[in-house]
Amino acid sequence: MAVLSPAQFDALSNLARKKAGDDVGWVAIAQARELTDLGLAVRTRSGWEITDAGEAALSEHADARPDDSPDDPIPFGPRGQPANS
């Protein structure tokens, strides 16, 4: 099982907001590349974009990030498998 760091989760959330048309800040290249390696984002001419798998990961783990401990990693299963397998 792969784990999303808080920084990766934030980057993925920013990409989701960007896709929804919201204004977002810069996405850190290191986190975006890591998300691309996981299949959660892609790089296009217009910048980084969230994939369907990235949106699914956000919806699965939207309540997994505790507000009181932002440095805890968030579990994320490999593509096509739930995080708990």
N, C-alpha and C. Protein backbone atom coordinates (compact mmCIF):
# COMPACT_ATOMS: atom_id res chain seq x y z
N MET A 1 0.84 -1.18 0.00
CA MET A 1 0.00 0.00 0.00
C MET A 1 0.89 1.24 0.00
N ALA A 2 0.65 2.13 -0.92
CA ALA A 2 1.34 3.41 -0.97
C ALA A 2 0.72 4.35 0.05
N VAL A 3 1.45 5.39 0.41
CA VAL A 3 0.96 6.35 1.38
C VAL A 3 1.09 7.75 0.79
N LEU A 4 0.03 8.52 0.90
CA LEU A 4 0.07 9.92 0.49
C LEU A 4 0.51 10.76 1.68
N SER A 5 1.54 11.55 1.48
CA SER A 5 1.97 12.47 2.52
C SER A 5 0.98 13.63 2.57
N PRO A 6 0.99 14.39 3.65
CA PRO A 6 0.13 15.57 3.71
C PRO A 6 0.39 16.54 2.55
N ALA A 7 1.65 16.68 2.14
CA ALA A 7 1.97 17.57 1.02
C ALA A 7 1.38 17.05 -0.29
N GLN A 8 1.44 15.72 -0.49
CA GLN A 8 0.84 15.13 -1.69
C GLN A 8 -0.68 15.30 -1.66
N PHE A 9 -1.28 15.07 -0.50
CA PHE A 9 -2.72 15.22 -0.36
C PHE A 9 -3.13 16.66 -0.66
N ASP A 10 -2.37 17.63 -0.14
CA ASP A 10 -2.66 19.04 -0.41
C ASP A 10 -2.54 19.35 -1.90
N ALA A 11 -1.49 18.83 -2.54
CA ALA A 11 -1.31 19.06 -3.97
C ALA A 11 -2.47 18.45 -4.76
N LEU A 12 -2.88 17.25 -4.39
CA LEU A 12 -3.99 16.60 -5.06
C LEU A 12 -5.29 17.40 -4.86
N SER A 13 -5.49 17.90 -3.66
CA SER A 13 -6.67 18.74 -3.38
C SER A 13 -6.64 20.01 -4.22
N ASN A 14 -5.45 20.62 -4.35
CA ASN A 14 -5.31 21.82 -5.19
C ASN A 14 -5.65 21.52 -6.64
N LEU A 15 -5.21 20.36 -7.13
CA LEU A 15 -5.51 19.99 -8.52
C LEU A 15 -7.00 19.77 -8.72
N ALA A 16 -7.67 19.22 -7.71
CA ALA A 16 -9.12 19.03 -7.80
C ALA A 16 -9.83 20.38 -7.84
N ARG A 17 -9.39 21.31 -6.99
CA ARG A 17 -10.00 22.65 -6.99
C ARG A 17 -9.73 23.37 -8.31
N LYS A 18 -8.52 23.18 -8.85
CA LYS A 18 -8.17 23.79 -10.14
C LYS A 18 -9.10 23.26 -11.23
N LYS A 19 -9.35 21.95 -11.24
CA LYS A 19 -10.23 21.35 -12.25
C LYS A 19 -11.66 21.88 -12.11
N ALA A 20 -12.06 22.18 -10.87
CA ALA A 20 -13.39 22.72 -10.62
C ALA A 20 -13.50 24.19 -11.01
N GLY A 21 -12.38 24.80 -11.39
CA GLY A 21 -12.40 26.19 -11.83
C GLY A 21 -12.01 27.19 -10.77
N ASP A 22 -11.62 26.71 -9.60
CA ASP A 22 -11.20 27.61 -8.53
C ASP A 22 -9.78 28.11 -8.78
N ASP A 23 -9.48 29.27 -8.23
CA ASP A 23 -8.11 29.77 -8.26
C ASP A 23 -7.31 29.04 -7.20
N VAL A 24 -6.15 28.52 -7.59
CA VAL A 24 -5.28 27.82 -6.64
C VAL A 24 -3.87 28.35 -6.80
N GLY A 25 -3.08 28.15 -5.77
CA GLY A 25 -1.68 28.55 -5.81
C GLY A 25 -0.87 27.57 -6.63
N TRP A 26 0.43 27.72 -6.54
CA TRP A 26 1.33 26.82 -7.25
C TRP A 26 1.25 25.42 -6.66
N VAL A 27 1.41 24.44 -7.52
CA VAL A 27 1.52 23.06 -7.08
C VAL A 27 3.00 22.72 -7.07
N ALA A 28 3.49 22.20 -5.96
CA ALA A 28 4.90 21.84 -5.85
C ALA A 28 5.24 20.75 -6.86
N ILE A 29 6.29 20.96 -7.63
CA ILE A 29 6.66 20.03 -8.69
C ILE A 29 6.99 18.65 -8.12
N ALA A 30 7.67 18.59 -7.01
CA ALA A 30 8.04 17.29 -6.43
C ALA A 30 6.80 16.47 -6.10
N GLN A 31 5.82 17.09 -5.47
CA GLN A 31 4.59 16.37 -5.13
C GLN A 31 3.81 16.01 -6.40
N ALA A 32 3.77 16.92 -7.36
CA ALA A 32 3.04 16.64 -8.60
C ALA A 32 3.68 15.47 -9.35
N ARG A 33 5.00 15.40 -9.37
CA ARG A 33 5.67 14.27 -10.02
C ARG A 33 5.37 12.96 -9.28
N GLU A 34 5.36 13.02 -7.97
CA GLU A 34 5.04 11.83 -7.19
C GLU A 34 3.61 11.38 -7.47
N LEU A 35 2.69 12.34 -7.57
CA LEU A 35 1.29 12.01 -7.88
C LEU A 35 1.19 11.41 -9.28
N THR A 36 2.01 11.91 -10.21
CA THR A 36 2.03 11.36 -11.56
C THR A 36 2.52 9.92 -11.53
N ASP A 37 3.56 9.65 -10.75
CA ASP A 37 4.07 8.28 -10.62
C ASP A 37 3.01 7.34 -10.07
N LEU A 38 2.13 7.85 -9.23
CA LEU A 38 1.05 7.04 -8.64
C LEU A 38 -0.17 6.96 -9.56
N GLY A 39 -0.15 7.72 -10.66
CA GLY A 39 -1.29 7.73 -11.57
C GLY A 39 -2.42 8.64 -11.13
N LEU A 40 -2.13 9.55 -10.20
CA LEU A 40 -3.16 10.42 -9.65
C LEU A 40 -3.20 11.79 -10.33
N ALA A 41 -2.17 12.10 -11.13
CA ALA A 41 -2.10 13.37 -11.84
C ALA A 41 -1.35 13.14 -13.16
N VAL A 42 -1.52 14.07 -14.08
CA VAL A 42 -0.79 14.05 -15.34
C VAL A 42 -0.30 15.46 -15.63
N ARG A 43 0.76 15.54 -16.43
CA ARG A 43 1.30 16.83 -16.85
C ARG A 43 0.83 17.08 -18.27
N THR A 44 0.21 18.24 -18.49
CA THR A 44 -0.24 18.64 -19.82
C THR A 44 0.39 19.97 -20.18
N ARG A 45 0.10 20.45 -21.36
CA ARG A 45 0.62 21.77 -21.77
C ARG A 45 0.15 22.88 -20.85
N SER A 46 -1.02 22.69 -20.26
CA SER A 46 -1.58 23.74 -19.39
C SER A 46 -1.22 23.54 -17.92
N GLY A 47 -0.39 22.56 -17.63
CA GLY A 47 0.04 22.34 -16.25
C GLY A 47 -0.35 20.96 -15.76
N TRP A 48 -0.31 20.80 -14.45
CA TRP A 48 -0.66 19.53 -13.83
C TRP A 48 -2.17 19.41 -13.74
N GLU A 49 -2.68 18.21 -13.98
CA GLU A 49 -4.12 17.97 -13.88
C GLU A 49 -4.37 16.68 -13.11
N ILE A 50 -5.45 16.68 -12.35
CA ILE A 50 -5.83 15.50 -11.59
C ILE A 50 -6.44 14.47 -12.55
N THR A 51 -6.21 13.20 -12.30
CA THR A 51 -6.80 12.13 -13.10
C THR A 51 -8.06 11.62 -12.42
N ASP A 52 -8.78 10.74 -13.11
CA ASP A 52 -9.95 10.11 -12.50
C ASP A 52 -9.53 9.33 -11.24
N ALA A 53 -8.37 8.68 -11.32
CA ALA A 53 -7.88 7.95 -10.15
C ALA A 53 -7.57 8.90 -9.00
N GLY A 54 -7.07 10.08 -9.32
CA GLY A 54 -6.80 11.08 -8.28
C GLY A 54 -8.07 11.56 -7.62
N GLU A 55 -9.10 11.77 -8.43
CA GLU A 55 -10.39 12.19 -7.86
C GLU A 55 -10.97 11.09 -6.98
N ALA A 56 -10.83 9.85 -7.42
CA ALA A 56 -11.32 8.72 -6.62
C ALA A 56 -10.56 8.64 -5.30
N ALA A 57 -9.25 8.86 -5.35
CA ALA A 57 -8.45 8.81 -4.13
C ALA A 57 -8.88 9.89 -3.15
N LEU A 58 -9.15 11.09 -3.67
CA LEU A 58 -9.61 12.17 -2.79
C LEU A 58 -10.95 11.84 -2.16
N SER A 59 -11.86 11.31 -2.95
CA SER A 59 -13.18 11.00 -2.38
C SER A 59 -13.10 9.87 -1.37
N GLU A 60 -12.21 8.90 -1.59
CA GLU A 60 -12.03 7.80 -0.63
C GLU A 60 -11.40 8.26 0.67
N HIS A 61 -10.51 9.22 0.57
CA HIS A 61 -9.73 9.63 1.74
C HIS A 61 -10.03 11.05 2.20
N ALA A 62 -11.16 11.59 1.77
CA ALA A 62 -11.48 12.97 2.13
C ALA A 62 -11.56 13.18 3.64
N ASP A 63 -12.04 12.18 4.36
CA ASP A 63 -12.14 12.33 5.81
C ASP A 63 -10.99 11.61 6.53
N ALA A 64 -10.00 11.13 5.78
CA ALA A 64 -8.90 10.39 6.40
C ALA A 64 -7.83 11.30 6.99
N ARG A 65 -7.81 12.55 6.57
CA ARG A 65 -6.77 13.45 7.06
C ARG A 65 -7.22 14.12 8.34
N PRO A 66 -6.58 13.80 9.44
CA PRO A 66 -6.97 14.43 10.71
C PRO A 66 -6.52 15.89 10.76
N ASP A 67 -7.40 16.75 11.19
CA ASP A 67 -7.06 18.17 11.28
C ASP A 67 -6.03 18.45 12.36
N ASP A 68 -6.00 17.61 13.40
CA ASP A 68 -5.11 17.89 14.52
C ASP A 68 -3.71 17.31 14.33
N SER A 69 -3.48 16.47 13.32
CA SER A 69 -2.14 15.95 13.08
C SER A 69 -1.86 15.91 11.58
N PRO A 70 -1.60 17.08 10.98
CA PRO A 70 -1.42 17.16 9.54
C PRO A 70 -0.17 16.46 9.02
N ASP A 71 0.75 16.06 9.88
CA ASP A 71 1.96 15.41 9.41
C ASP A 71 1.83 13.90 9.28
N ASP A 72 0.70 13.34 9.72
CA ASP A 72 0.50 11.90 9.59
C ASP A 72 0.25 11.56 8.13
N PRO A 73 0.91 10.51 7.61
CA PRO A 73 0.65 10.10 6.23
C PRO A 73 -0.75 9.52 6.08
N ILE A 74 -1.28 9.59 4.88
CA ILE A 74 -2.61 9.10 4.58
C ILE A 74 -2.46 7.83 3.74
N PRO A 75 -3.04 6.70 4.16
CA PRO A 75 -2.88 5.47 3.40
C PRO A 75 -3.58 5.56 2.05
N PHE A 76 -2.94 4.99 1.04
CA PHE A 76 -3.52 4.98 -0.30
C PHE A 76 -3.14 3.67 -0.96
N GLY A 77 -4.13 2.92 -1.39
CA GLY A 77 -3.88 1.63 -2.02
C GLY A 77 -3.40 1.78 -3.46
N PRO A 78 -2.76 0.76 -3.99
CA PRO A 78 -2.34 0.79 -5.39
C PRO A 78 -3.54 0.91 -6.31
N ARG A 79 -3.31 1.36 -7.52
CA ARG A 79 -4.39 1.52 -8.49
C ARG A 79 -5.20 0.23 -8.61
N GLY A 80 -6.51 0.39 -8.56
CA GLY A 80 -7.40 -0.74 -8.73
C GLY A 80 -7.64 -1.56 -7.49
N GLN A 81 -7.01 -1.18 -6.37
CA GLN A 81 -7.19 -1.92 -5.12
C GLN A 81 -7.53 -0.94 -4.02
N PRO A 82 -8.45 -1.30 -3.13
CA PRO A 82 -8.74 -0.42 -1.99
C PRO A 82 -7.53 -0.32 -1.06
N ALA A 83 -7.48 0.73 -0.28
CA ALA A 83 -6.35 0.97 0.61
C ALA A 83 -6.22 -0.10 1.68
N ASN A 84 -7.30 -0.76 2.02
CA ASN A 84 -7.27 -1.74 3.11
C ASN A 84 -6.94 -3.15 2.66
N SER A 85 -6.54 -3.36 1.40
CA SER A 85 -6.25 -4.72 0.96
C SER A 85 -4.78 -5.04 1.04
